[in-house]
Amino acid sequence: MKRRLVVALVIAAALGGLAAGLVVGRGHSANAQATPRVVAKGAFHSVTWNTTGTVSVVRQSNGQLRLRLSSDFTTKNAPELYVYLAKLRGQQKLYWKQVAPLKSSRGAQVYPVSSDAASTRGLEVAIYCGECNQINALAPLTQS
């Protein structure tokens, strides 16, 4: 009788440990997938106005892409500032796609972007002043 009880307890403990391991393992894999992954990044260099900071393209756990400006991002404040994905040859715009109006001339910001932000080679992020028709700064994106 004691032997059966001990065997039953050992089996119950083993099954309980297996169940706990599965729960913990699933939690870790879900957390690993929930971690955003940087797919491209770059640093701004000034073109017409002093601009600093970095930019990254991040793939979210749901597959969507976000363009993130760093917390140390700064550019000249102006009324019509925009974020663009660009591919330039000199002054010629080979690719020019507006992401969104710039939310602020300073600080961290996040914008949704289409898949071309991660798949198109040679793209740059441009901070563009619509009022003066000038590019403030460019950040060439390097695939991660």
C-alpha atoms as a PDB file:
ATOM      1  CA  MET A   1       0.000   0.000   0.000  1.00  0.00           C
ATOM      2  CA  LYS A   2       2.796   2.433   0.937  1.00  0.00           C
ATOM      3  CA  ARG A   3       4.636   1.530  -2.218  1.00  0.00           C
ATOM      4  CA  ARG A   4       1.605   2.405  -4.405  1.00  0.00           C
ATOM      5  CA  LEU A   5       1.193   5.702  -2.573  1.00  0.00           C
ATOM      6  CA  VAL A   6       4.866   6.585  -3.119  1.00  0.00           C
ATOM      7  CA  VAL A   7       4.658   5.635  -6.813  1.00  0.00           C
ATOM      8  CA  ALA A   8       1.476   7.712  -7.199  1.00  0.00           C
ATOM      9  CA  LEU A   9       3.142  10.703  -5.501  1.00  0.00           C
ATOM     10  CA  VAL A  10       6.231  10.416  -7.708  1.00  0.00           C
ATOM     11  CA  ILE A  11       4.090  10.236 -10.857  1.00  0.00           C
ATOM     12  CA  ALA A  12       1.954  13.185  -9.697  1.00  0.00           C
ATOM     13  CA  ALA A  13       5.084  15.231  -8.937  1.00  0.00           C
ATOM     14  CA  ALA A  14       6.585  14.378 -12.333  1.00  0.00           C
ATOM     15  CA  LEU A  15       3.401  15.338 -14.164  1.00  0.00           C
ATOM     16  CA  GLY A  16       3.127  18.539 -12.105  1.00  0.00           C
ATOM     17  CA  GLY A  17       6.719  19.436 -12.960  1.00  0.00           C
ATOM     18  CA  LEU A  18       6.113  18.718 -16.631  1.00  0.00           C
ATOM     19  CA  ALA A  19       2.995  20.901 -16.644  1.00  0.00           C
ATOM     20  CA  ALA A  20       4.813  23.721 -14.852  1.00  0.00           C
ATOM     21  CA  GLY A  21       7.692  23.466 -17.347  1.00  0.00           C
ATOM     22  CA  LEU A  22       5.299  23.732 -20.270  1.00  0.00           C
ATOM     23  CA  VAL A  23       3.604  26.791 -18.789  1.00  0.00           C
ATOM     24  CA  VAL A  24       6.904  28.504 -18.038  1.00  0.00           C
ATOM     25  CA  GLY A  25       8.330  27.530 -21.437  1.00  0.00           C
ATOM     26  CA  ARG A  26       5.341  28.942 -23.259  1.00  0.00           C
ATOM     27  CA  GLY A  27       5.613  32.143 -21.279  1.00  0.00           C
ATOM     28  CA  HIS A  28       9.261  32.527 -22.267  1.00  0.00           C
ATOM     29  CA  SER A  29       8.647  31.863 -25.946  1.00  0.00           C
ATOM     30  CA  ALA A  30       5.762  34.333 -25.979  1.00  0.00           C
ATOM     31  CA  ASN A  31       7.997  36.926 -24.325  1.00  0.00           C
ATOM     32  CA  ALA A  32      10.772  36.253 -26.817  1.00  0.00           C
ATOM     33  CA  GLN A  33       8.380  36.823 -29.697  1.00  0.00           C
ATOM     34  CA  ALA A  34       6.975  39.933 -28.027  1.00  0.00           C
ATOM     35  CA  THR A  35      10.399  41.579 -28.019  1.00  0.00           C
ATOM     36  CA  PRO A  36      10.618  44.108 -30.867  1.00  0.00           C
ATOM     37  CA  ARG A  37      13.534  43.493 -33.251  1.00  0.00           C
ATOM     38  CA  VAL A  38      15.562  46.245 -34.949  1.00  0.00           C
ATOM     39  CA  VAL A  39      15.707  45.527 -38.698  1.00  0.00           C
ATOM     40  CA  ALA A  40      17.464  48.739 -39.804  1.00  0.00           C
ATOM     41  CA  LYS A  41      19.088  51.743 -38.152  1.00  0.00           C
ATOM     42  CA  GLY A  42      20.942  54.918 -38.918  1.00  0.00           C
ATOM     43  CA  ALA A  43      22.278  58.206 -37.557  1.00  0.00           C
ATOM     44  CA  PHE A  44      21.171  61.626 -38.763  1.00  0.00           C
ATOM     45  CA  HIS A  45      23.610  63.953 -40.472  1.00  0.00           C
ATOM     46  CA  SER A  46      22.637  67.534 -41.137  1.00  0.00           C
ATOM     47  CA  VAL A  47      21.896  68.766 -44.651  1.00  0.00           C
ATOM     48  CA  THR A  48      20.510  72.300 -44.178  1.00  0.00           C
ATOM     49  CA  TRP A  49      19.786  72.522 -40.423  1.00  0.00           C
ATOM     50  CA  ASN A  50      21.599  71.042 -37.462  1.00  0.00           C
ATOM     51  CA  THR A  51      19.900  67.719 -36.684  1.00  0.00           C
ATOM     52  CA  THR A  52      21.123  65.020 -34.292  1.00  0.00           C
ATOM     53  CA  GLY A  53      19.990  61.635 -33.066  1.00  0.00           C
ATOM     54  CA  THR A  54      19.366  58.197 -34.476  1.00  0.00           C
ATOM     55  CA  VAL A  55      16.528  56.323 -36.125  1.00  0.00           C
ATOM     56  CA  SER A  56      15.616  52.642 -36.158  1.00  0.00           C
ATOM     57  CA  VAL A  57      13.075  50.516 -37.975  1.00  0.00           C
ATOM     58  CA  VAL A  58      11.642  47.988 -35.546  1.00  0.00           C
ATOM     59  CA  ARG A  59       9.534  44.906 -36.292  1.00  0.00           C
ATOM     60  CA  GLN A  60       6.876  44.443 -33.606  1.00  0.00           C
ATOM     61  CA  SER A  61       5.775  40.997 -32.393  1.00  0.00           C
ATOM     62  CA  ASN A  62       2.661  41.298 -34.595  1.00  0.00           C
ATOM     63  CA  GLY A  63       4.863  41.841 -37.679  1.00  0.00           C
ATOM     64  CA  GLN A  64       4.138  45.548 -38.068  1.00  0.00           C
ATOM     65  CA  LEU A  65       7.025  47.952 -38.608  1.00  0.00           C
ATOM     66  CA  ARG A  66       7.639  51.117 -36.618  1.00  0.00           C
ATOM     67  CA  LEU A  67      10.103  53.903 -37.312  1.00  0.00           C
ATOM     68  CA  ARG A  68      11.565  55.179 -34.048  1.00  0.00           C
ATOM     69  CA  LEU A  69      13.429  58.434 -33.516  1.00  0.00           C
ATOM     70  CA  SER A  70      15.774  58.358 -30.521  1.00  0.00           C
ATOM     71  CA  SER A  71      15.235  60.299 -27.309  1.00  0.00           C
ATOM     72  CA  ASP A  72      18.198  62.546 -28.225  1.00  0.00           C
ATOM     73  CA  PHE A  73      16.686  63.471 -31.616  1.00  0.00           C
ATOM     74  CA  THR A  74      16.648  67.234 -32.315  1.00  0.00           C
ATOM     75  CA  THR A  75      16.128  69.362 -35.409  1.00  0.00           C
ATOM     76  CA  LYS A  76      15.299  73.003 -36.100  1.00  0.00           C
ATOM     77  CA  ASN A  77      11.712  73.798 -35.173  1.00  0.00           C
ATOM     78  CA  ALA A  78       9.629  74.846 -38.191  1.00  0.00           C
ATOM     79  CA  PRO A  79       5.904  74.833 -39.029  1.00  0.00           C
ATOM     80  CA  GLU A  80       5.908  72.149 -41.747  1.00  0.00           C
ATOM     81  CA  LEU A  81       8.254  69.330 -40.777  1.00  0.00           C
ATOM     82  CA  TYR A  82       7.760  65.827 -42.165  1.00  0.00           C
ATOM     83  CA  VAL A  83       9.382  62.401 -41.945  1.00  0.00           C
ATOM     84  CA  TYR A  84      10.061  60.741 -45.313  1.00  0.00           C
ATOM     85  CA  LEU A  85      11.583  57.515 -46.551  1.00  0.00           C
ATOM     86  CA  ALA A  86      13.900  58.554 -49.351  1.00  0.00           C
ATOM     87  CA  LYS A  87      16.326  57.260 -51.906  1.00  0.00           C
ATOM     88  CA  LEU A  88      18.296  60.047 -53.523  1.00  0.00           C
ATOM     89  CA  ARG A  89      20.850  60.414 -56.288  1.00  0.00           C
ATOM     90  CA  GLY A  90      22.266  63.857 -55.697  1.00  0.00           C
ATOM     91  CA  GLN A  91      19.251  66.191 -55.740  1.00  0.00           C
ATOM     92  CA  GLN A  92      17.104  63.701 -57.685  1.00  0.00           C
ATOM     93  CA  LYS A  93      14.463  61.849 -55.653  1.00  0.00           C
ATOM     94  CA  LEU A  94      14.432  58.235 -56.825  1.00  0.00           C
ATOM     95  CA  TYR A  95      12.061  57.261 -54.018  1.00  0.00           C
ATOM     96  CA  TRP A  96      10.178  59.761 -51.858  1.00  0.00           C
ATOM     97  CA  LYS A  97       7.430  58.502 -49.539  1.00  0.00           C
ATOM     98  CA  GLN A  98       5.952  60.521 -46.692  1.00  0.00           C
ATOM     99  CA  VAL A  99       5.778  58.656 -43.390  1.00  0.00           C
ATOM    100  CA  ALA A 100       3.995  61.354 -41.369  1.00  0.00           C
ATOM    101  CA  PRO A 101       4.224  64.941 -40.174  1.00  0.00           C
ATOM    102  CA  LEU A 102       6.983  65.200 -37.558  1.00  0.00           C
ATOM    103  CA  LYS A 103       5.343  65.118 -34.113  1.00  0.00           C
ATOM    104  CA  SER A 104       7.993  67.272 -32.450  1.00  0.00           C
ATOM    105  CA  SER A 105      11.351  68.813 -33.264  1.00  0.00           C
ATOM    106  CA  ARG A 106      12.791  67.064 -30.191  1.00  0.00           C
ATOM    107  CA  GLY A 107      12.716  63.706 -28.478  1.00  0.00           C
ATOM    108  CA  ALA A 108      11.627  60.120 -28.981  1.00  0.00           C
ATOM    109  CA  GLN A 109       8.862  59.488 -31.506  1.00  0.00           C
ATOM    110  CA  VAL A 110       7.310  56.428 -33.147  1.00  0.00           C
ATOM    111  CA  TYR A 111       5.627  56.175 -36.561  1.00  0.00           C
ATOM    112  CA  PRO A 112       4.082  53.212 -38.402  1.00  0.00           C
ATOM    113  CA  VAL A 113       5.820  52.426 -41.710  1.00  0.00           C
ATOM    114  CA  SER A 114       5.186  50.038 -44.579  1.00  0.00           C
ATOM    115  CA  SER A 115       7.268  46.955 -45.334  1.00  0.00           C
ATOM    116  CA  ASP A 116       9.411  48.844 -47.862  1.00  0.00           C
ATOM    117  CA  ALA A 117      11.183  50.487 -44.894  1.00  0.00           C
ATOM    118  CA  ALA A 118      12.768  47.118 -44.132  1.00  0.00           C
ATOM    119  CA  SER A 119      13.006  45.629 -47.618  1.00  0.00           C
ATOM    120  CA  THR A 120      14.254  48.477 -49.854  1.00  0.00           C
ATOM    121  CA  ARG A 121      18.037  48.741 -49.978  1.00  0.00           C
ATOM    122  CA  GLY A 122      19.648  52.173 -49.829  1.00  0.00           C
ATOM    123  CA  LEU A 123      16.782  53.973 -48.081  1.00  0.00           C
ATOM    124  CA  GLU A 124      17.333  56.998 -45.894  1.00  0.00           C
ATOM    125  CA  VAL A 125      15.059  58.696 -43.403  1.00  0.00           C
ATOM    126  CA  ALA A 126      14.670  62.354 -44.299  1.00  0.00           C
ATOM    127  CA  ILE A 127      13.478  65.183 -42.076  1.00  0.00           C
ATOM    128  CA  TYR A 128      11.922  67.582 -44.569  1.00  0.00           C
ATOM    129  CA  CYS A 129      10.749  71.185 -44.147  1.00  0.00           C
ATOM    130  CA  GLY A 130       7.768  71.753 -46.438  1.00  0.00           C
ATOM    131  CA  GLU A 131       7.717  75.505 -45.889  1.00  0.00           C
ATOM    132  CA  CYS A 132      11.289  76.020 -47.057  1.00  0.00           C
ATOM    133  CA  ASN A 133      11.345  72.999 -49.422  1.00  0.00           C
ATOM    134  CA  GLN A 134      14.587  71.758 -47.854  1.00  0.00           C
ATOM    135  CA  ILE A 135      15.810  68.523 -46.339  1.00  0.00           C
ATOM    136  CA  ASN A 136      16.970  69.263 -42.790  1.00  0.00           C
ATOM    137  CA  ALA A 137      18.771  65.950 -42.352  1.00  0.00           C
ATOM    138  CA  LEU A 138      19.204  62.416 -43.647  1.00  0.00           C
ATOM    139  CA  ALA A 139      19.840  59.135 -41.855  1.00  0.00           C
ATOM    140  CA  PRO A 140      21.001  56.314 -44.143  1.00  0.00           C
ATOM    141  CA  LEU A 141      19.436  53.033 -42.998  1.00  0.00           C
ATOM    142  CA  THR A 142      21.683  50.016 -42.537  1.00  0.00           C
ATOM    143  CA  GLN A 143      20.003  46.605 -42.437  1.00  0.00           C
ATOM    144  CA  SER A 144      20.530  44.795 -39.116  1.00  0.00           C
END
